[in-house]
Amino acid sequence: MSSKKRRFEQLQAAAATATTDKPRYVDPFQQQVVPRVEEFGKKLEGKGRTIVYGVVALIVVAALFFFVSRWSRNSGNEAQAALGKAIETSKARVTDTPPAAGSTEKTFKTEKERSEAAIAEFQSVADKFGGAVGDKAKYFIAVNRLNVDRAAGITELEAIANTSSDTGKMAKFALAQIRTDDNKLDEAIAIYQELLGLSDSLIAKETLNFNLAKIYEKQGKKQEAADLYFNIAKAASEAKDLDGKAVRLTETATESKEKLKALDPERAKQIPEPTPDSPFGGGGAPPISIQ
């Protein structure tokens, strides 16, 4: 596996909190993580399929921080602390430079070494706590296994995906991305559609539809892709906060509009252009919410 995946320390910002009884799909995962992954991917063009696998694994791990944030509010302190410690290991820096004298920072020389250490810690959590906590730890084990033995990691995710739990939903999301990367596009579409049909898929519908639209583009289904991009951007442009004021477009909505411009320029004109002083055109960070 590639040793190029070094973004875990940036992913804490993707933690989500529900802010309304009927939350809008403001998507910090797509907003903060995916652009970094795509930028990273551009730097790796031409360096082989193995690196692409690594990028997929990174996206999967990024999504977990929604999951942990949502779950941890209702978890026991000891279990939460143990799981959090293992997560810290899974996102520790990979570097050849040792920590400064007196530092307690944990670092690893390779991605594989870090994943192996994280797997051991998550396994300890699973063995000690079992139940729902153990299920979540096993999911983290499967994700980290992608960096050690990709085939084994996929097999573990497939087993978890057969359940109806939150971990099952997250495993399905992970597998959809893996199927996409393996060019098994019809399988990926089926998984995304299944998640979209759930009343609570855990992942924002905006993210699911955006990923689905990108697959349709790959398949040459421009109309289907354009429809999804339009719906994402249109809904975001019409979203209001609790005071009835417009909110900033999410990163996903902004990118959806740009993709719509390329596929159907005339239709894209139906989405209003934000102005520098508009509530959804500039200013501070948008509110964060999950389903």
Protein backbone atom coordinates (compact mmCIF):
# COMPACT_ATOMS: atom_id res chain seq x y z
CA MET A 1 0.00 0.00 0.00
CA SER A 2 1.06 3.62 -0.52
CA SER A 3 2.61 5.66 2.28
CA LYS A 4 1.14 8.90 0.97
CA LYS A 5 -2.02 9.17 3.06
CA ARG A 6 -1.35 11.89 5.66
CA ARG A 7 -4.52 13.80 6.38
CA PHE A 8 -6.03 12.21 9.48
CA GLU A 9 -5.09 15.08 11.78
CA GLN A 10 -7.27 17.44 9.71
CA LEU A 11 -10.41 15.39 10.03
CA GLN A 12 -11.55 16.42 13.52
CA ALA A 13 -13.04 19.56 11.94
CA ALA A 14 -15.56 17.35 10.19
CA ALA A 15 -17.33 16.42 13.45
CA ALA A 16 -21.01 17.31 13.12
CA THR A 17 -23.68 18.46 15.54
CA ALA A 18 -27.41 18.69 14.88
CA THR A 19 -28.59 22.30 15.12
CA THR A 20 -32.27 22.06 14.22
CA ASP A 21 -35.17 19.63 14.58
CA LYS A 22 -35.17 19.31 10.79
CA PRO A 23 -31.53 19.85 9.86
CA ARG A 24 -30.38 21.04 6.49
CA TYR A 25 -27.78 18.95 4.77
CA VAL A 26 -24.80 21.19 5.39
CA ASP A 27 -22.00 18.77 4.72
CA PRO A 28 -18.66 19.40 6.44
CA PHE A 29 -17.29 16.06 5.26
CA GLN A 30 -17.70 17.00 1.61
CA GLN A 31 -16.75 20.61 2.37
CA GLN A 32 -13.54 20.06 4.28
CA VAL A 33 -12.25 16.58 3.53
CA VAL A 34 -13.03 15.78 -0.09
CA PRO A 35 -11.41 18.93 -1.58
CA ARG A 36 -8.19 18.06 0.27
CA VAL A 37 -8.32 14.47 -0.95
CA GLU A 38 -8.93 15.61 -4.54
CA GLU A 39 -6.04 18.09 -4.35
CA PHE A 40 -3.88 15.31 -2.95
CA GLY A 41 -4.98 13.00 -5.75
CA LYS A 42 -3.92 15.48 -8.44
CA LYS A 43 -0.39 15.42 -7.04
CA LEU A 44 -0.36 11.63 -7.38
CA GLU A 45 -1.57 11.40 -10.99
CA GLY A 46 0.27 8.71 -12.89
CA LYS A 47 1.71 7.09 -9.78
CA GLY A 48 -0.37 3.95 -9.88
CA ARG A 49 -3.64 2.35 -8.84
CA THR A 50 -2.35 1.38 -5.40
CA ILE A 51 -2.23 5.04 -4.40
CA VAL A 52 -5.82 5.49 -5.53
CA TYR A 53 -6.79 2.67 -3.18
CA GLY A 54 -5.09 4.60 -0.40
CA VAL A 55 -7.10 7.72 -1.16
CA VAL A 56 -10.32 5.71 -0.95
CA ALA A 57 -9.29 4.38 2.44
CA LEU A 58 -8.66 7.94 3.59
CA ILE A 59 -12.13 9.06 2.52
CA VAL A 60 -13.66 6.14 4.37
CA VAL A 61 -11.81 7.01 7.58
CA ALA A 62 -12.84 10.65 7.21
CA ALA A 63 -16.48 9.67 7.22
CA LEU A 64 -16.02 7.90 10.52
CA PHE A 65 -15.66 11.15 12.40
CA PHE A 66 -19.32 11.96 11.75
CA PHE A 67 -20.16 8.56 13.09
CA VAL A 68 -18.06 8.85 16.25
CA SER A 69 -19.24 12.39 17.00
CA ARG A 70 -22.85 11.29 16.73
CA TRP A 71 -22.39 8.20 18.85
CA SER A 72 -20.07 9.59 21.53
CA ARG A 73 -22.67 11.91 23.02
CA ASN A 74 -24.52 8.82 24.29
CA SER A 75 -21.56 6.63 25.17
CA GLY A 76 -20.08 5.76 28.51
CA ASN A 77 -17.04 7.82 29.43
CA GLU A 78 -14.67 4.88 29.68
CA ALA A 79 -15.72 3.38 26.35
CA GLN A 80 -15.63 6.77 24.66
CA ALA A 81 -12.16 7.49 26.02
CA ALA A 82 -10.85 4.12 24.87
CA LEU A 83 -12.28 4.51 21.39
CA GLY A 84 -11.00 8.08 21.20
CA LYS A 85 -7.49 6.97 22.13
CA ALA A 86 -7.51 4.40 19.34
CA ILE A 87 -8.75 7.03 16.90
CA GLU A 88 -5.88 9.30 17.89
CA THR A 89 -3.50 6.49 16.98
CA SER A 90 -5.24 5.99 13.62
CA LYS A 91 -4.66 9.64 12.70
CA ALA A 92 -1.19 10.12 14.19
CA ARG A 93 1.47 11.74 12.02
CA VAL A 94 3.51 9.62 9.65
CA THR A 95 7.04 10.99 9.61
CA ASP A 96 10.69 10.00 9.79
CA THR A 97 11.34 12.83 12.23
CA PRO A 98 11.04 11.78 15.87
CA PRO A 99 8.95 13.93 18.25
CA ALA A 100 10.70 16.74 20.07
CA ALA A 101 12.30 15.94 23.42
CA GLY A 102 9.65 15.72 26.12
CA SER A 103 6.80 15.40 23.63
CA THR A 104 4.16 12.73 24.20
CA GLU A 105 3.08 12.79 20.55
CA LYS A 106 2.81 9.39 18.92
CA THR A 107 4.25 9.15 15.40
CA PHE A 108 4.79 6.36 12.89
CA LYS A 109 7.22 5.85 10.05
CA THR A 110 4.70 4.32 7.63
CA GLU A 111 0.94 4.21 7.05
CA LYS A 112 1.00 0.45 7.43
CA GLU A 113 2.75 0.66 10.80
CA ARG A 114 0.20 3.19 12.02
CA SER A 115 -2.75 1.10 10.85
CA GLU A 116 -1.37 -2.02 12.52
CA ALA A 117 -1.03 -0.15 15.81
CA ALA A 118 -4.54 1.26 15.48
CA ILE A 119 -6.00 -2.17 14.73
CA ALA A 120 -4.45 -3.55 17.91
CA GLU A 121 -5.99 -0.73 19.98
CA PHE A 122 -9.41 -1.04 18.39
CA GLN A 123 -9.31 -4.80 18.94
CA SER A 124 -8.60 -4.19 22.62
CA VAL A 125 -11.66 -1.90 22.78
CA ALA A 126 -13.81 -4.51 21.06
CA ASP A 127 -12.66 -7.24 23.42
CA LYS A 128 -13.15 -5.16 26.57
CA PHE A 129 -16.46 -3.48 25.89
CA GLY A 130 -18.24 -5.63 23.32
CA GLY A 131 -21.80 -4.70 22.33
CA ALA A 132 -22.36 -1.51 20.36
CA VAL A 133 -18.94 -0.16 21.33
CA GLY A 134 -17.32 -3.34 20.08
CA ASP A 135 -19.22 -3.09 16.80
CA LYS A 136 -17.88 0.39 16.21
CA ALA A 137 -14.35 -0.69 17.07
CA LYS A 138 -14.66 -3.57 14.58
CA TYR A 139 -15.67 -1.08 11.90
CA PHE A 140 -12.54 0.95 12.58
CA ILE A 141 -10.52 -2.25 12.43
CA ALA A 142 -11.92 -3.03 8.97
CA VAL A 143 -11.19 0.48 7.70
CA ASN A 144 -7.62 0.44 8.99
CA ARG A 145 -7.21 -3.06 7.57
CA LEU A 146 -7.51 -1.51 4.11
CA ASN A 147 -4.00 -0.15 4.61
CA VAL A 148 -2.61 -3.52 5.67
CA ASP A 149 -4.55 -6.12 3.68
CA ARG A 150 -7.06 -4.45 1.37
CA ALA A 151 -8.89 -7.65 0.44
CA ALA A 152 -9.32 -8.62 4.09
CA GLY A 153 -10.53 -5.12 4.96
CA ILE A 154 -13.16 -5.26 2.24
CA THR A 155 -14.34 -8.69 3.43
CA GLU A 156 -14.73 -7.34 6.96
CA LEU A 157 -16.66 -4.29 5.72
CA GLU A 158 -18.96 -6.55 3.70
CA ALA A 159 -19.78 -8.56 6.81
CA ILE A 160 -20.56 -5.40 8.79
CA ALA A 161 -22.65 -4.01 5.93
CA ASN A 162 -25.05 -6.93 6.26
CA THR A 163 -26.36 -5.47 9.52
CA SER A 164 -28.94 -2.70 9.93
CA SER A 165 -26.94 -0.83 12.58
CA ASP A 166 -25.20 2.52 12.17
CA THR A 167 -21.98 0.62 11.57
CA GLY A 168 -23.75 -1.30 8.82
CA LYS A 169 -24.75 1.96 7.14
CA MET A 170 -21.23 3.33 7.37
CA ALA A 171 -19.82 0.08 5.99
CA LYS A 172 -22.17 0.36 3.02
CA PHE A 173 -20.96 3.91 2.41
CA ALA A 174 -17.35 2.73 2.55
CA LEU A 175 -18.05 -0.11 0.15
CA ALA A 176 -19.80 2.22 -2.31
CA GLN A 177 -16.62 4.26 -2.56
CA ILE A 178 -14.47 1.16 -2.90
CA ARG A 179 -16.75 -0.24 -5.63
CA THR A 180 -16.50 3.07 -7.46
CA ASP A 181 -12.72 3.01 -7.29
CA ASP A 182 -12.70 -0.57 -8.57
CA ASN A 183 -14.90 0.59 -11.48
CA LYS A 184 -17.78 -1.59 -10.31
CA LEU A 185 -20.09 1.32 -10.94
CA ASP A 186 -23.42 -0.48 -11.04
CA GLU A 187 -22.70 -2.03 -7.65
CA ALA A 188 -21.77 1.38 -6.24
CA ILE A 189 -24.97 2.91 -7.63
CA ALA A 190 -27.06 0.20 -5.99
CA ILE A 191 -25.47 0.87 -2.61
CA TYR A 192 -25.91 4.65 -2.84
CA GLN A 193 -29.55 4.20 -3.86
CA GLU A 194 -30.10 1.86 -0.93
CA LEU A 195 -28.64 4.45 1.48
CA LEU A 196 -30.73 7.21 -0.07
CA GLY A 197 -33.84 5.12 0.53
CA LEU A 198 -33.21 4.92 4.27
CA SER A 199 -34.93 7.35 6.62
CA ASP A 200 -31.56 7.89 8.33
CA SER A 201 -28.56 6.82 6.29
CA LEU A 202 -26.15 8.61 8.68
CA ILE A 203 -24.37 10.25 5.72
CA ALA A 204 -25.89 13.49 4.40
CA LYS A 205 -28.10 12.92 1.38
CA GLU A 206 -26.26 15.75 -0.33
CA THR A 207 -23.07 13.71 -0.14
CA LEU A 208 -24.76 10.55 -1.36
CA ASN A 209 -26.39 12.30 -4.32
CA PHE A 210 -23.17 14.08 -5.22
CA ASN A 211 -21.22 10.82 -5.29
CA LEU A 212 -24.00 9.21 -7.31
CA ALA A 213 -23.92 12.07 -9.83
CA LYS A 214 -20.19 11.62 -10.32
CA ILE A 215 -20.74 7.95 -11.14
CA TYR A 216 -23.39 8.85 -13.70
CA GLU A 217 -20.87 11.21 -15.30
CA LYS A 218 -18.37 8.37 -15.54
CA GLN A 219 -21.02 6.27 -17.24
CA GLY A 220 -21.82 9.03 -19.72
CA LYS A 221 -25.30 9.55 -18.26
CA LYS A 222 -25.09 13.32 -18.43
CA GLN A 223 -28.80 14.01 -17.98
CA GLU A 224 -29.04 11.94 -14.79
CA ALA A 225 -25.90 13.60 -13.44
CA ALA A 226 -27.14 17.07 -14.33
CA ASP A 227 -30.46 16.43 -12.60
CA LEU A 228 -28.72 15.52 -9.36
CA TYR A 229 -26.28 18.42 -9.51
CA PHE A 230 -29.16 20.80 -10.17
CA ASN A 231 -31.21 19.48 -7.26
CA ILE A 232 -28.26 19.76 -4.88
CA ALA A 233 -27.39 23.32 -5.86
CA LYS A 234 -31.01 24.49 -6.06
CA ALA A 235 -31.90 23.14 -2.62
CA ALA A 236 -28.80 24.69 -1.07
CA SER A 237 -29.46 28.08 -2.68
CA GLU A 238 -32.98 28.08 -1.20
CA ALA A 239 -31.99 26.88 2.27
CA LYS A 240 -32.82 29.19 5.18
CA ASP A 241 -31.59 29.43 8.75
CA LEU A 242 -33.84 29.58 11.79
CA ASP A 243 -34.36 33.31 11.22
CA GLY A 244 -35.47 32.74 7.64
CA LYS A 245 -32.25 34.12 6.18
CA ALA A 246 -30.35 32.51 3.32
CA VAL A 247 -27.25 30.55 4.26
CA ARG A 248 -23.98 30.05 2.47
CA LEU A 249 -23.76 27.40 -0.21
CA THR A 250 -21.97 24.31 0.99
CA GLU A 251 -18.82 23.18 -0.76
CA THR A 252 -20.80 20.31 -2.23
CA ALA A 253 -23.48 22.64 -3.59
CA THR A 254 -20.88 25.01 -5.02
CA GLU A 255 -19.10 22.18 -6.80
CA SER A 256 -22.42 20.77 -7.98
CA LYS A 257 -23.25 24.08 -9.59
CA GLU A 258 -19.87 24.21 -11.33
CA LYS A 259 -20.37 20.70 -12.66
CA LEU A 260 -23.87 21.65 -13.79
CA LYS A 261 -22.43 24.61 -15.71
CA ALA A 262 -20.26 22.20 -17.66
CA LEU A 263 -23.09 19.76 -18.36
CA ASP A 264 -26.02 22.15 -18.84
CA PRO A 265 -25.02 25.86 -18.82
CA GLU A 266 -28.56 27.13 -19.41
CA ARG A 267 -30.00 25.17 -16.53
CA ALA A 268 -27.19 26.33 -14.25
CA LYS A 269 -28.39 29.90 -14.76
CA GLN A 270 -31.48 29.02 -12.73
CA ILE A 271 -29.28 28.85 -9.63
CA PRO A 272 -28.67 32.42 -8.36
CA GLU A 273 -25.09 33.58 -8.23
CA PRO A 274 -24.03 34.54 -4.69
CA THR A 275 -22.83 38.09 -4.14
CA PRO A 276 -19.94 39.05 -1.81
CA ASP A 277 -22.30 40.55 0.77
CA SER A 278 -25.01 37.90 0.58
CA PRO A 279 -25.55 35.52 3.52
CA PHE A 280 -24.63 32.54 1.36
CA GLY A 281 -21.86 34.12 -0.68
CA GLY A 282 -19.20 34.95 1.86
CA GLY A 283 -18.38 35.47 5.48
CA GLY A 284 -17.73 32.91 8.17
CA ALA A 285 -18.10 29.18 8.16
CA PRO A 286 -21.57 27.74 7.57
CA PRO A 287 -23.40 25.92 10.32
CA ILE A 288 -22.64 22.23 10.65
CA SER A 289 -25.33 19.62 10.84
CA ILE A 290 -25.93 15.98 10.03
CA GLN A 291 -29.03 13.97 9.35
